[in-house]
Amino acid sequence: HLSYNRKMTMMMLRHCVRLQRVIPQQGRFLSSKLTNGADVNGSAVNGSANSAAAGFLSAPHRNDAIIANAITFIPAESLNVAVDLEILRPGDTLDIPYELTITDTFADLWHSAFLSQDRLQTSTPFCRKLGFQGRLLPFGLLAFLTSSMTHADAAKIQVGYGPIHYYWPGFTGDTFTKRFQVQSVRNTSDGLHSIIQFQCSLYNQRGKLCMRADKRMMFGTRLVESMTTPVVEEEEELLRNHILSKSGILHKESHSLCRLRPGQLIRHDHARSLTHGQSQQLASLARLTHPRHFHTNGAKEEQLLVPGGLVVGLCQSASARELHEILHEEVLAVQFCNEVYPDTTVVGALSYISNIQSTNDGDLELVTVRTIGIDVSNNRALPKALPQALLEGEQLWLPKELEIFCSAACPSLCGRILLQMDRKILRQSTSKPKDVFLL
């Protein structure tokens, strides 16, 4: 004779099987709780009823067929929210549905990582004197935000930037949306990868275009090439024109510390780096979720990369003191050459002044400058000179060509050049070097 507990257990098991036939979800749950006293993941389950069930199921009369049918697994699936690269063609527009309000915390975190003494970013009274409602968001922050993509997990690396224009001032409290337009699709010379150029546009809550940036990304697949670049209307440089109109206010006292001249190579003694935490925090705040910046896909911490927009910020920060005071900035082109790692890579910079144009009143000057970001980790010093071929020319060097040139002309720089960046900066001019003592 079976004991009372065994009779109850048998009744429960039969009821479980009947429930599974009628209500599969409930049947799976109950039957899993009666299988060897464990759930479907193999974790132990407490309870007298489950212990009795375990005794019954271990009896020689157990029905293995019933047990096998009672345990059912639901397969998991991944939802694909990425863009289908195979169908992208120049002119295709991607309106991003997300909205992001920039808080003071975001701006403060940026300032804590990237040094700048420019008053348009640091001084509210100065900004209001020029007719702005408050401090402007830094150029580097908006450029990083404009080009950050949430669904570009298929990209291998960021190759570089095209022109980046700051059209309309951004402030904390503004809410931004983004739009991406495909500019071109081409394959690499090895035929294994493709490079897609996107035009990234950033709009505030009033629909004003604040920034536009061209961004090139490499993908690990071969696509149908299309080099037809869509026609884009030129936007008026409203922010730069507004600052130029205030030259009467700016001429009273120039804050520029150093006099610049064409042909001058500036050695920036200030170097910057980002910690692992800073890199991931800033990437998350900008909603950049690529696996190469986080602990996914089995990447080790030393293999994670600093995002390209933050590398631009590091080079701007490293060169900020000698180029002070920058009132407006425009990036002409950026070429990434070697990878930058959080915690380990320290970024130094040299800047070559190729041209200077003064305004009619002579109070402001537009400086064309090429900044070279160089790895100075492990106490390696910046070079005291650079080959002229690296500093002049309309086109930036491609990474492979650059390494070949460096191996022949300056072996000490092989693998150390991180970035090349051409830009135009608007700053207050100084007629003579200032005799100042700064701590």
Foldseek 3Di string as FASTA:
>chain_A
DDDPLLVVLVVQLVVLLVCCVVPVVSSLQSLQCQPLQAHPVRDHHDDPNSVSSNVNCPDPPHDVVSSVVSHDDDDDDDDQPADDPQPADFFDKDWDPDKAAAAPVLQVLLCVAFPAPACLAPPQVVCVVLPDNGRFRDPLLVVCLQPFDQRVQQFDAWFKKAKKAFADTDDHGWMKTKMKGWFWWAADPVQQKIKTKIWMWIATPVRDTGMIIITITIGRHHYDTDNHGDDDDDDDNNQVVSVVVCLVVLLVDFPQFDADDAQDKAWQPAKGAAALVSQVVSCVSSNRDHCLSDCPPPDDLQRRFRHPSVVVSRQCRSCNNNGPDFDGKMWRMKGFAATGHHPFWMKHKMKHWHDWDADPVRFKIKTKIKMWIWTCGPNRGDDPDDDPVCGDDPDHDHNVRVLVVCVPPPVVRRNTTGMIIIMITMGTHDPDRDPDDDD
